[in-house]
Amino acid sequence: MSEILEIIMIVSFGASWPMNVLKSYQARTTRGKSLSFLCLIFFGYIAGVLSKLTNAAYMASISQKWYVLFFYVLNLIMVGTDLCLYYRNYRLDQVAAAAKAR
């Protein structure tokens, strides 16, 4: 039961990331984004993955509970993608500001 509740939590947190990644891609700006927030979430998911990988009881039953780790990794990938888009958009903001200053 605890794994199901954990999956519900992870899916709930992760449901918004695909839309957020698409919004970041289309917006082409960092306005309204927080790098510190993205980094905090990213490192939180890394900690979640590492907690699963270092938990002997979980690893002993990973063949039956792999899906929990899958959702952590999926969310980590989505947040990582949003981080990459942040840096792309930051660079685009700098180019736009330089062009405007001319």
PDB file of N, CA and C in Angstrom:
ATOM      1  N   MET A   1       0.825  -1.201   0.000  1.00  0.00           N
ATOM      2  CA  MET A   1       0.000   0.000   0.000  1.00  0.00           C
ATOM      3  C   MET A   1       0.865   1.260   0.000  1.00  0.00           C
ATOM      4  N   SER A   2       1.972   1.243   0.756  1.00  0.00           N
ATOM      5  CA  SER A   2       2.805   2.449   0.817  1.00  0.00           C
ATOM      6  C   SER A   2       3.410   2.770  -0.546  1.00  0.00           C
ATOM      7  N   GLU A   3       3.719   1.730  -1.340  1.00  0.00           N
ATOM      8  CA  GLU A   3       4.263   1.978  -2.681  1.00  0.00           C
ATOM      9  C   GLU A   3       3.225   2.645  -3.578  1.00  0.00           C
ATOM     10  N   ILE A   4       1.971   2.233  -3.444  1.00  0.00           N
ATOM     11  CA  ILE A   4       0.902   2.828  -4.251  1.00  0.00           C
ATOM     12  C   ILE A   4       0.737   4.297  -3.885  1.00  0.00           C
ATOM     13  N   LEU A   5       0.758   4.606  -2.591  1.00  0.00           N
ATOM     14  CA  LEU A   5       0.648   6.001  -2.164  1.00  0.00           C
ATOM     15  C   LEU A   5       1.845   6.818  -2.640  1.00  0.00           C
ATOM     16  N   GLU A   6       3.021   6.205  -2.628  1.00  0.00           N
ATOM     17  CA  GLU A   6       4.213   6.895  -3.116  1.00  0.00           C
ATOM     18  C   GLU A   6       4.102   7.165  -4.619  1.00  0.00           C
ATOM     19  N   ILE A   7       3.588   6.210  -5.357  1.00  0.00           N
ATOM     20  CA  ILE A   7       3.397   6.406  -6.795  1.00  0.00           C
ATOM     21  C   ILE A   7       2.389   7.517  -7.047  1.00  0.00           C
ATOM     22  N   ILE A   8       1.305   7.547  -6.285  1.00  0.00           N
ATOM     23  CA  ILE A   8       0.317   8.618  -6.438  1.00  0.00           C
ATOM     24  C   ILE A   8       0.980   9.975  -6.208  1.00  0.00           C
ATOM     25  N   MET A   9       1.834  10.063  -5.189  1.00  0.00           N
ATOM     26  CA  MET A   9       2.543  11.306  -4.921  1.00  0.00           C
ATOM     27  C   MET A   9       3.438  11.693  -6.099  1.00  0.00           C
ATOM     28  N   ILE A  10       4.233  10.733  -6.574  1.00  0.00           N
ATOM     29  CA  ILE A  10       5.181  11.007  -7.651  1.00  0.00           C
ATOM     30  C   ILE A  10       4.449  11.356  -8.945  1.00  0.00           C
ATOM     31  N   VAL A  11       3.389  10.635  -9.263  1.00  0.00           N
ATOM     32  CA  VAL A  11       2.613  10.924 -10.471  1.00  0.00           C
ATOM     33  C   VAL A  11       1.953  12.297 -10.354  1.00  0.00           C
ATOM     34  N   SER A  12       1.445  12.618  -9.184  1.00  0.00           N
ATOM     35  CA  SER A  12       0.833  13.937  -8.985  1.00  0.00           C
ATOM     36  C   SER A  12       1.850  15.052  -9.184  1.00  0.00           C
ATOM     37  N   PHE A  13       3.040  14.885  -8.616  1.00  0.00           N
ATOM     38  CA  PHE A  13       4.087  15.890  -8.805  1.00  0.00           C
ATOM     39  C   PHE A  13       4.517  15.949 -10.260  1.00  0.00           C
ATOM     40  N   GLY A  14       4.616  14.787 -10.881  1.00  0.00           N
ATOM     41  CA  GLY A  14       5.140  14.715 -12.235  1.00  0.00           C
ATOM     42  C   GLY A  14       4.151  15.044 -13.328  1.00  0.00           C
ATOM     43  N   ALA A  15       2.877  15.085 -13.018  1.00  0.00           N
ATOM     44  CA  ALA A  15       1.871  15.331 -14.055  1.00  0.00           C
ATOM     45  C   ALA A  15       2.016  16.702 -14.702  1.00  0.00           C
ATOM     46  N   SER A  16       2.505  17.654 -13.960  1.00  0.00           N
ATOM     47  CA  SER A  16       2.630  19.006 -14.502  1.00  0.00           C
ATOM     48  C   SER A  16       3.926  19.220 -15.282  1.00  0.00           C
ATOM     49  N   TRP A  17       4.917  18.359 -15.119  1.00  0.00           N
ATOM     50  CA  TRP A  17       6.208  18.596 -15.766  1.00  0.00           C
ATOM     51  C   TRP A  17       6.160  18.565 -17.288  1.00  0.00           C
ATOM     52  N   PRO A  18       5.442  17.646 -17.928  1.00  0.00           N
ATOM     53  CA  PRO A  18       5.415  17.703 -19.394  1.00  0.00           C
ATOM     54  C   PRO A  18       4.850  19.022 -19.923  1.00  0.00           C
ATOM     55  N   MET A  19       3.799  19.528 -19.259  1.00  0.00           N
ATOM     56  CA  MET A  19       3.231  20.815 -19.677  1.00  0.00           C
ATOM     57  C   MET A  19       4.210  21.951 -19.412  1.00  0.00           C
ATOM     58  N   ASN A  20       4.928  21.865 -18.300  1.00  0.00           N
ATOM     59  CA  ASN A  20       5.900  22.888 -17.950  1.00  0.00           C
ATOM     60  C   ASN A  20       7.069  22.901 -18.939  1.00  0.00           C
ATOM     61  N   VAL A  21       7.519  21.721 -19.342  1.00  0.00           N
ATOM     62  CA  VAL A  21       8.597  21.615 -20.324  1.00  0.00           C
ATOM     63  C   VAL A  21       8.136  22.213 -21.650  1.00  0.00           C
ATOM     64  N   LEU A  22       6.932  21.893 -22.087  1.00  0.00           N
ATOM     65  CA  LEU A  22       6.399  22.447 -23.331  1.00  0.00           C
ATOM     66  C   LEU A  22       6.284  23.971 -23.253  1.00  0.00           C
ATOM     67  N   LYS A  23       5.822  24.473 -22.127  1.00  0.00           N
ATOM     68  CA  LYS A  23       5.708  25.919 -21.930  1.00  0.00           C
ATOM     69  C   LYS A  23       7.080  26.584 -21.985  1.00  0.00           C
ATOM     70  N   SER A  24       8.078  25.974 -21.352  1.00  0.00           N
ATOM     71  CA  SER A  24       9.440  26.515 -21.379  1.00  0.00           C
ATOM     72  C   SER A  24       9.993  26.532 -22.802  1.00  0.00           C
ATOM     73  N   TYR A  25       9.723  25.468 -23.537  1.00  0.00           N
ATOM     74  CA  TYR A  25      10.205  25.373 -24.913  1.00  0.00           C
ATOM     75  C   TYR A  25       9.569  26.452 -25.786  1.00  0.00           C
ATOM     76  N   GLN A  26       8.282  26.645 -25.644  1.00  0.00           N
ATOM     77  CA  GLN A  26       7.564  27.609 -26.474  1.00  0.00           C
ATOM     78  C   GLN A  26       7.819  29.049 -26.049  1.00  0.00           C
ATOM     79  N   ALA A  27       7.991  29.294 -24.768  1.00  0.00           N
ATOM     80  CA  ALA A  27       8.150  30.664 -24.263  1.00  0.00           C
ATOM     81  C   ALA A  27       9.470  31.285 -24.695  1.00  0.00           C
ATOM     82  N   ARG A  28      10.532  30.490 -24.762  1.00  0.00           N
ATOM     83  CA  ARG A  28      11.849  30.957 -25.183  1.00  0.00           C
ATOM     84  C   ARG A  28      12.373  32.095 -24.299  1.00  0.00           C
ATOM     85  N   THR A  29      11.988  32.077 -23.020  1.00  0.00           N
ATOM     86  CA  THR A  29      12.464  33.067 -22.054  1.00  0.00           C
ATOM     87  C   THR A  29      12.490  32.437 -20.659  1.00  0.00           C
ATOM     88  N   THR A  30      13.295  33.020 -19.787  1.00  0.00           N
ATOM     89  CA  THR A  30      13.351  32.536 -18.406  1.00  0.00           C
ATOM     90  C   THR A  30      12.412  33.312 -17.494  1.00  0.00           C
ATOM     91  N   ARG A  31      11.751  34.318 -18.035  1.00  0.00           N
ATOM     92  CA  ARG A  31      10.823  35.091 -17.208  1.00  0.00           C
ATOM     93  C   ARG A  31       9.779  34.177 -16.590  1.00  0.00           C
ATOM     94  N   GLY A  32       9.597  34.309 -15.298  1.00  0.00           N
ATOM     95  CA  GLY A  32       8.633  33.492 -14.567  1.00  0.00           C
ATOM     96  C   GLY A  32       9.182  32.161 -14.092  1.00  0.00           C
ATOM     97  N   LYS A  33      10.444  31.883 -14.358  1.00  0.00           N
ATOM     98  CA  LYS A  33      11.066  30.624 -13.942  1.00  0.00           C
ATOM     99  C   LYS A  33      12.050  30.907 -12.811  1.00  0.00           C
ATOM    100  N   SER A  34      12.234  29.930 -11.955  1.00  0.00           N
ATOM    101  CA  SER A  34      13.179  30.047 -10.851  1.00  0.00           C
ATOM    102  C   SER A  34      14.216  28.936 -10.971  1.00  0.00           C
ATOM    103  N   LEU A  35      15.462  29.325 -11.233  1.00  0.00           N
ATOM    104  CA  LEU A  35      16.532  28.343 -11.332  1.00  0.00           C
ATOM    105  C   LEU A  35      16.738  27.623 -10.010  1.00  0.00           C
ATOM    106  N   SER A  36      16.667  28.337  -8.904  1.00  0.00           N
ATOM    107  CA  SER A  36      16.871  27.695  -7.598  1.00  0.00           C
ATOM    108  C   SER A  36      15.772  26.668  -7.323  1.00  0.00           C
ATOM    109  N   PHE A  37      14.553  26.956  -7.713  1.00  0.00           N
ATOM    110  CA  PHE A  37      13.452  26.009  -7.540  1.00  0.00           C
ATOM    111  C   PHE A  37      13.697  24.754  -8.371  1.00  0.00           C
ATOM    112  N   LEU A  38      14.057  24.939  -9.636  1.00  0.00           N
ATOM    113  CA  LEU A  38      14.326  23.787 -10.514  1.00  0.00           C
ATOM    114  C   LEU A  38      15.465  22.931  -9.971  1.00  0.00           C
ATOM    115  N   CYS A  39      16.525  23.573  -9.500  1.00  0.00           N
ATOM    116  CA  CYS A  39      17.663  22.828  -8.949  1.00  0.00           C
ATOM    117  C   CYS A  39      17.269  22.069  -7.694  1.00  0.00           C
ATOM    118  N   LEU A  40      16.472  22.688  -6.843  1.00  0.00           N
ATOM    119  CA  LEU A  40      16.020  22.036  -5.618  1.00  0.00           C
ATOM    120  C   LEU A  40      15.185  20.795  -5.936  1.00  0.00           C
ATOM    121  N   ILE A  41      14.277  20.922  -6.877  1.00  0.00           N
ATOM    122  CA  ILE A  41      13.441  19.781  -7.275  1.00  0.00           C
ATOM    123  C   ILE A  41      14.307  18.694  -7.913  1.00  0.00           C
ATOM    124  N   PHE A  42      15.244  19.090  -8.774  1.00  0.00           N
ATOM    125  CA  PHE A  42      16.132  18.147  -9.448  1.00  0.00           C
ATOM    126  C   PHE A  42      16.929  17.334  -8.430  1.00  0.00           C
ATOM    127  N   PHE A  43      17.540  18.020  -7.472  1.00  0.00           N
ATOM    128  CA  PHE A  43      18.319  17.318  -6.458  1.00  0.00           C
ATOM    129  C   PHE A  43      17.436  16.492  -5.526  1.00  0.00           C
ATOM    130  N   GLY A  44      16.196  16.923  -5.329  1.00  0.00           N
ATOM    131  CA  GLY A  44      15.248  16.124  -4.552  1.00  0.00           C
ATOM    132  C   GLY A  44      14.950  14.797  -5.228  1.00  0.00           C
ATOM    133  N   TYR A  45      14.763  14.826  -6.546  1.00  0.00           N
ATOM    134  CA  TYR A  45      14.519  13.575  -7.273  1.00  0.00           C
ATOM    135  C   TYR A  45      15.775  12.702  -7.295  1.00  0.00           C
ATOM    136  N   ILE A  46      16.944  13.309  -7.379  1.00  0.00           N
ATOM    137  CA  ILE A  46      18.179  12.517  -7.285  1.00  0.00           C
ATOM    138  C   ILE A  46      18.235  11.817  -5.928  1.00  0.00           C
ATOM    139  N   ALA A  47      17.894  12.532  -4.868  1.00  0.00           N
ATOM    140  CA  ALA A  47      17.875  11.931  -3.535  1.00  0.00           C
ATOM    141  C   ALA A  47      16.853  10.806  -3.457  1.00  0.00           C
ATOM    142  N   GLY A  48      15.708  10.988  -4.099  1.00  0.00           N
ATOM    143  CA  GLY A  48      14.689   9.939  -4.110  1.00  0.00           C
ATOM    144  C   GLY A  48      15.170   8.683  -4.815  1.00  0.00           C
ATOM    145  N   VAL A  49      15.819   8.865  -5.960  1.00  0.00           N
ATOM    146  CA  VAL A  49      16.366   7.718  -6.694  1.00  0.00           C
ATOM    147  C   VAL A  49      17.441   7.026  -5.854  1.00  0.00           C
ATOM    148  N   LEU A  50      18.346   7.809  -5.283  1.00  0.00           N
ATOM    149  CA  LEU A  50      19.410   7.219  -4.462  1.00  0.00           C
ATOM    150  C   LEU A  50      18.858   6.517  -3.224  1.00  0.00           C
ATOM    151  N   SER A  51      17.769   7.053  -2.669  1.00  0.00           N
ATOM    152  CA  SER A  51      17.180   6.397  -1.496  1.00  0.00           C
ATOM    153  C   SER A  51      16.645   5.022  -1.866  1.00  0.00           C
ATOM    154  N   LYS A  52      16.105   4.897  -3.065  1.00  0.00           N
ATOM    155  CA  LYS A  52      15.616   3.590  -3.513  1.00  0.00           C
ATOM    156  C   LYS A  52      16.787   2.642  -3.781  1.00  0.00           C
ATOM    157  N   LEU A  53      17.815   3.165  -4.434  1.00  0.00           N
ATOM    158  CA  LEU A  53      18.951   2.311  -4.797  1.00  0.00           C
ATOM    159  C   LEU A  53      19.765   1.858  -3.591  1.00  0.00           C
ATOM    160  N   THR A  54      19.730   2.608  -2.506  1.00  0.00           N
ATOM    161  CA  THR A  54      20.494   2.240  -1.307  1.00  0.00           C
ATOM    162  C   THR A  54      19.648   1.531  -0.255  1.00  0.00           C
ATOM    163  N   ASN A  55      18.373   1.329  -0.540  1.00  0.00           N
ATOM    164  CA  ASN A  55      17.473   0.644   0.387  1.00  0.00           C
ATOM    165  C   ASN A  55      17.521  -0.850   0.081  1.00  0.00           C
ATOM    166  N   ALA A  56      18.121  -1.621   0.981  1.00  0.00           N
ATOM    167  CA  ALA A  56      18.305  -3.060   0.757  1.00  0.00           C
ATOM    168  C   ALA A  56      16.969  -3.787   0.587  1.00  0.00           C
ATOM    169  N   ALA A  57      15.983  -3.419   1.376  1.00  0.00           N
ATOM    170  CA  ALA A  57      14.677  -4.078   1.277  1.00  0.00           C
ATOM    171  C   ALA A  57      14.033  -3.799  -0.079  1.00  0.00           C
ATOM    172  N   TYR A  58      14.139  -2.571  -0.555  1.00  0.00           N
ATOM    173  CA  TYR A  58      13.585  -2.230  -1.872  1.00  0.00           C
ATOM    174  C   TYR A  58      14.334  -2.971  -2.970  1.00  0.00           C
ATOM    175  N   MET A  59      15.646  -2.950  -2.913  1.00  0.00           N
ATOM    176  CA  MET A  59      16.452  -3.596  -3.953  1.00  0.00           C
ATOM    177  C   MET A  59      16.224  -5.108  -3.982  1.00  0.00           C
ATOM    178  N   ALA A  60      15.907  -5.711  -2.844  1.00  0.00           N
ATOM    179  CA  ALA A  60      15.634  -7.147  -2.797  1.00  0.00           C
ATOM    180  C   ALA A  60      14.350  -7.499  -3.538  1.00  0.00           C
ATOM    181  N   SER A  61      13.445  -6.525  -3.632  1.00  0.00           N
ATOM    182  CA  SER A  61      12.172  -6.786  -4.306  1.00  0.00           C
ATOM    183  C   SER A  61      11.985  -5.910  -5.543  1.00  0.00           C
ATOM    184  N   ILE A  62      13.085  -5.448  -6.115  1.00  0.00           N
ATOM    185  CA  ILE A  62      12.979  -4.518  -7.248  1.00  0.00           C
ATOM    186  C   ILE A  62      12.284  -5.146  -8.458  1.00  0.00           C
ATOM    187  N   SER A  63      12.370  -6.439  -8.627  1.00  0.00           N
ATOM    188  CA  SER A  63      11.710  -7.067  -9.771  1.00  0.00           C
ATOM    189  C   SER A  63      10.190  -6.933  -9.683  1.00  0.00           C
ATOM    190  N   GLN A  64       9.671  -6.734  -8.477  1.00  0.00           N
ATOM    191  CA  GLN A  64       8.232  -6.560  -8.303  1.00  0.00           C
ATOM    192  C   GLN A  64       7.846  -5.104  -8.078  1.00  0.00           C
ATOM    193  N   LYS A  65       8.818  -4.267  -7.696  1.00  0.00           N
ATOM    194  CA  LYS A  65       8.503  -2.866  -7.368  1.00  0.00           C
ATOM    195  C   LYS A  65       9.293  -1.881  -8.223  1.00  0.00           C
ATOM    196  N   TRP A  66       9.695  -2.286  -9.401  1.00  0.00           N
ATOM    197  CA  TRP A  66      10.495  -1.438 -10.286  1.00  0.00           C
ATOM    198  C   TRP A  66       9.765  -0.157 -10.668  1.00  0.00           C
ATOM    199  N   TYR A  67       8.452  -0.198 -10.715  1.00  0.00           N
ATOM    200  CA  TYR A  67       7.652   0.928 -11.175  1.00  0.00           C
ATOM    201  C   TYR A  67       7.811   2.163 -10.289  1.00  0.00           C
ATOM    202  N   VAL A  68       8.091   1.968  -9.009  1.00  0.00           N
ATOM    203  CA  VAL A  68       8.293   3.123  -8.117  1.00  0.00           C
ATOM    204  C   VAL A  68       9.536   3.893  -8.560  1.00  0.00           C
ATOM    205  N   LEU A  69      10.618   3.182  -8.773  1.00  0.00           N
ATOM    206  CA  LEU A  69      11.856   3.808  -9.230  1.00  0.00           C
ATOM    207  C   LEU A  69      11.672   4.420 -10.618  1.00  0.00           C
ATOM    208  N   PHE A  70      10.894   3.770 -11.468  1.00  0.00           N
ATOM    209  CA  PHE A  70      10.625   4.277 -12.816  1.00  0.00           C
ATOM    210  C   PHE A  70      10.044   5.689 -12.765  1.00  0.00           C
ATOM    211  N   PHE A  71       9.077   5.914 -11.887  1.00  0.00           N
ATOM    212  CA  PHE A  71       8.448   7.233 -11.810  1.00  0.00           C
ATOM    213  C   PHE A  71       9.402   8.302 -11.268  1.00  0.00           C
ATOM    214  N   TYR A  72      10.261   7.917 -10.343  1.00  0.00           N
ATOM    215  CA  TYR A  72      11.282   8.852  -9.867  1.00  0.00           C
ATOM    216  C   TYR A  72      12.208   9.258 -11.018  1.00  0.00           C
ATOM    217  N   VAL A  73      12.666   8.279 -11.766  1.00  0.00           N
ATOM    218  CA  VAL A  73      13.581   8.553 -12.877  1.00  0.00           C
ATOM    219  C   VAL A  73      12.877   9.358 -13.968  1.00  0.00           C
ATOM    220  N   LEU A  74      11.633   9.034 -14.261  1.00  0.00           N
ATOM    221  CA  LEU A  74      10.877   9.784 -15.269  1.00  0.00           C
ATOM    222  C   LEU A  74      10.754  11.256 -14.882  1.00  0.00           C
ATOM    223  N   ASN A  75      10.418  11.517 -13.634  1.00  0.00           N
ATOM    224  CA  ASN A  75      10.320  12.900 -13.167  1.00  0.00           C
ATOM    225  C   ASN A  75      11.677  13.589 -13.184  1.00  0.00           C
ATOM    226  N   LEU A  76      12.719  12.865 -12.822  1.00  0.00           N
ATOM    227  CA  LEU A  76      14.072  13.415 -12.860  1.00  0.00           C
ATOM    228  C   LEU A  76      14.435  13.831 -14.287  1.00  0.00           C
ATOM    229  N   ILE A  77      14.097  13.020 -15.251  1.00  0.00           N
ATOM    230  CA  ILE A  77      14.370  13.344 -16.658  1.00  0.00           C
ATOM    231  C   ILE A  77      13.591  14.583 -17.094  1.00  0.00           C
ATOM    232  N   MET A  78      12.335  14.674 -16.690  1.00  0.00           N
ATOM    233  CA  MET A  78      11.526  15.842 -17.077  1.00  0.00           C
ATOM    234  C   MET A  78      12.062  17.125 -16.449  1.00  0.00           C
ATOM    235  N   VAL A  79      12.435  17.073 -15.182  1.00  0.00           N
ATOM    236  CA  VAL A  79      12.986  18.258 -14.524  1.00  0.00           C
ATOM    237  C   VAL A  79      14.340  18.602 -15.148  1.00  0.00           C
ATOM    238  N   GLY A  80      15.138  17.593 -15.458  1.00  0.00           N
ATOM    239  CA  GLY A  80      16.419  17.833 -16.134  1.00  0.00           C
ATOM    240  C   GLY A  80      16.226  18.485 -17.492  1.00  0.00           C
ATOM    241  N   THR A  81      15.209  18.063 -18.224  1.00  0.00           N
ATOM    242  CA  THR A  81      14.890  18.681 -19.511  1.00  0.00           C
ATOM    243  C   THR A  81      14.502  20.139 -19.319  1.00  0.00           C
ATOM    244  N   ASP A  82      13.707  20.407 -18.287  1.00  0.00           N
ATOM    245  CA  ASP A  82      13.313  21.790 -18.011  1.00  0.00           C
ATOM    246  C   ASP A  82      14.521  22.629 -17.614  1.00  0.00           C
ATOM    247  N   LEU A  83      15.472  22.038 -16.890  1.00  0.00           N
ATOM    248  CA  LEU A  83      16.709  22.756 -16.547  1.00  0.00           C
ATOM    249  C   LEU A  83      17.507  23.107 -17.809  1.00  0.00           C
ATOM    250  N   CYS A  84      17.611  22.158 -18.717  1.00  0.00           N
ATOM    251  CA  CYS A  84      18.317  22.424 -19.986  1.00  0.00           C
ATOM    252  C   CYS A  84      17.631  23.533 -20.760  1.00  0.00           C
ATOM    253  N   LEU A  85      16.303  23.505 -20.784  1.00  0.00           N
ATOM    254  CA  LEU A  85      15.561  24.565 -21.474  1.00  0.00           C
ATOM    255  C   LEU A  85      15.743  25.911 -20.780  1.00  0.00           C
ATOM    256  N   TYR A  86      15.880  25.893 -19.468  1.00  0.00           N
ATOM    257  CA  TYR A  86      16.138  27.142 -18.744  1.00  0.00           C
ATOM    258  C   TYR A  86      17.425  27.787 -19.256  1.00  0.00           C
ATOM    259  N   TYR A  87      18.479  26.988 -19.367  1.00  0.00           N
ATOM    260  CA  TYR A  87      19.758  27.531 -19.832  1.00  0.00           C
ATOM    261  C   TYR A  87      19.682  27.974 -21.294  1.00  0.00           C
ATOM    262  N   ARG A  88      18.952  27.232 -22.110  1.00  0.00           N
ATOM    263  CA  ARG A  88      18.756  27.664 -23.497  1.00  0.00           C
ATOM    264  C   ARG A  88      18.022  29.011 -23.521  1.00  0.00           C
ATOM    265  N   ASN A  89      16.964  29.112 -22.734  1.00  0.00           N
ATOM    266  CA  ASN A  89      16.175  30.338 -22.705  1.00  0.00           C
ATOM    267  C   ASN A  89      16.959  31.500 -22.100  1.00  0.00           C
ATOM    268  N   TYR A  90      17.820  31.218 -21.141  1.00  0.00           N
ATOM    269  CA  TYR A  90      18.666  32.255 -20.558  1.00  0.00           C
ATOM    270  C   TYR A  90      19.585  32.843 -21.626  1.00  0.00           C
ATOM    271  N   ARG A  91      20.156  31.956 -22.417  1.00  0.00           N
ATOM    272  CA  ARG A  91      21.024  32.402 -23.507  1.00  0.00           C
ATOM    273  C   ARG A  91      20.227  33.217 -24.538  1.00  0.00           C
ATOM    274  N   LEU A  92      19.020  32.783 -24.845  1.00  0.00           N
ATOM    275  CA  LEU A  92      18.170  33.536 -25.769  1.00  0.00           C
ATOM    276  C   LEU A  92      17.806  34.912 -25.197  1.00  0.00           C
ATOM    277  N   ASP A  93      17.574  34.972 -23.887  1.00  0.00           N
ATOM    278  CA  ASP A  93      17.301  36.262 -23.237  1.00  0.00           C
ATOM    279  C   ASP A  93      18.499  37.197 -23.363  1.00  0.00           C
ATOM    280  N   GLN A  94      19.705  36.651 -23.201  1.00  0.00           N
ATOM    281  CA  GLN A  94      20.912  37.472 -23.322  1.00  0.00           C
ATOM    282  C   GLN A  94      21.083  37.990 -24.752  1.00  0.00           C
ATOM    283  N   VAL A  95      20.848  37.148 -25.722  1.00  0.00           N
ATOM    284  CA  VAL A  95      20.951  37.553 -27.133  1.00  0.00           C
ATOM    285  C   VAL A  95      19.920  38.640 -27.438  1.00  0.00           C
ATOM    286  N   ALA A  96      18.706  38.471 -26.946  1.00  0.00           N
ATOM    287  CA  ALA A  96      17.665  39.471 -27.173  1.00  0.00           C
ATOM    288  C   ALA A  96      18.005  40.795 -26.496  1.00  0.00           C
ATOM    289  N   ALA A  97      18.555  40.736 -25.290  1.00  0.00           N
ATOM    290  CA  ALA A  97      18.935  41.968 -24.582  1.00  0.00           C
ATOM    291  C   ALA A  97      20.082  42.674 -25.301  1.00  0.00           C
ATOM    292  N   ALA A  98      21.030  41.912 -25.831  1.00  0.00           N
ATOM    293  CA  ALA A  98      22.155  42.513 -26.575  1.00  0.00           C
ATOM    294  C   ALA A  98      21.662  43.153 -27.856  1.00  0.00           C
ATOM    295  N   ALA A  99      20.734  42.513 -28.543  1.00  0.00           N
ATOM    296  CA  ALA A  99      20.181  43.071 -29.774  1.00  0.00           C
ATOM    297  C   ALA A  99      19.375  44.332 -29.493  1.00  0.00           C
ATOM    298  N   LYS A 100      18.693  44.343 -28.375  1.00  0.00           N
ATOM    299  CA  LYS A 100      17.874  45.508 -27.998  1.00  0.00           C
ATOM    300  C   LYS A 100      18.767  46.688 -27.606  1.00  0.00           C
ATOM    301  N   ALA A 101      19.936  46.382 -27.030  1.00  0.00           N
ATOM    302  CA  ALA A 101      20.854  47.440 -26.571  1.00  0.00           C
ATOM    303  C   ALA A 101      21.539  48.133 -27.741  1.00  0.00           C
ATOM    304  N   ARG A 102      21.571  47.528 -28.882  1.00  0.00           N
ATOM    305  CA  ARG A 102      22.251  48.114 -30.040  1.00  0.00           C
ATOM    306  C   ARG A 102      21.520  49.263 -30.597  1.00  0.00           C
TER     307      ARG A 102
END
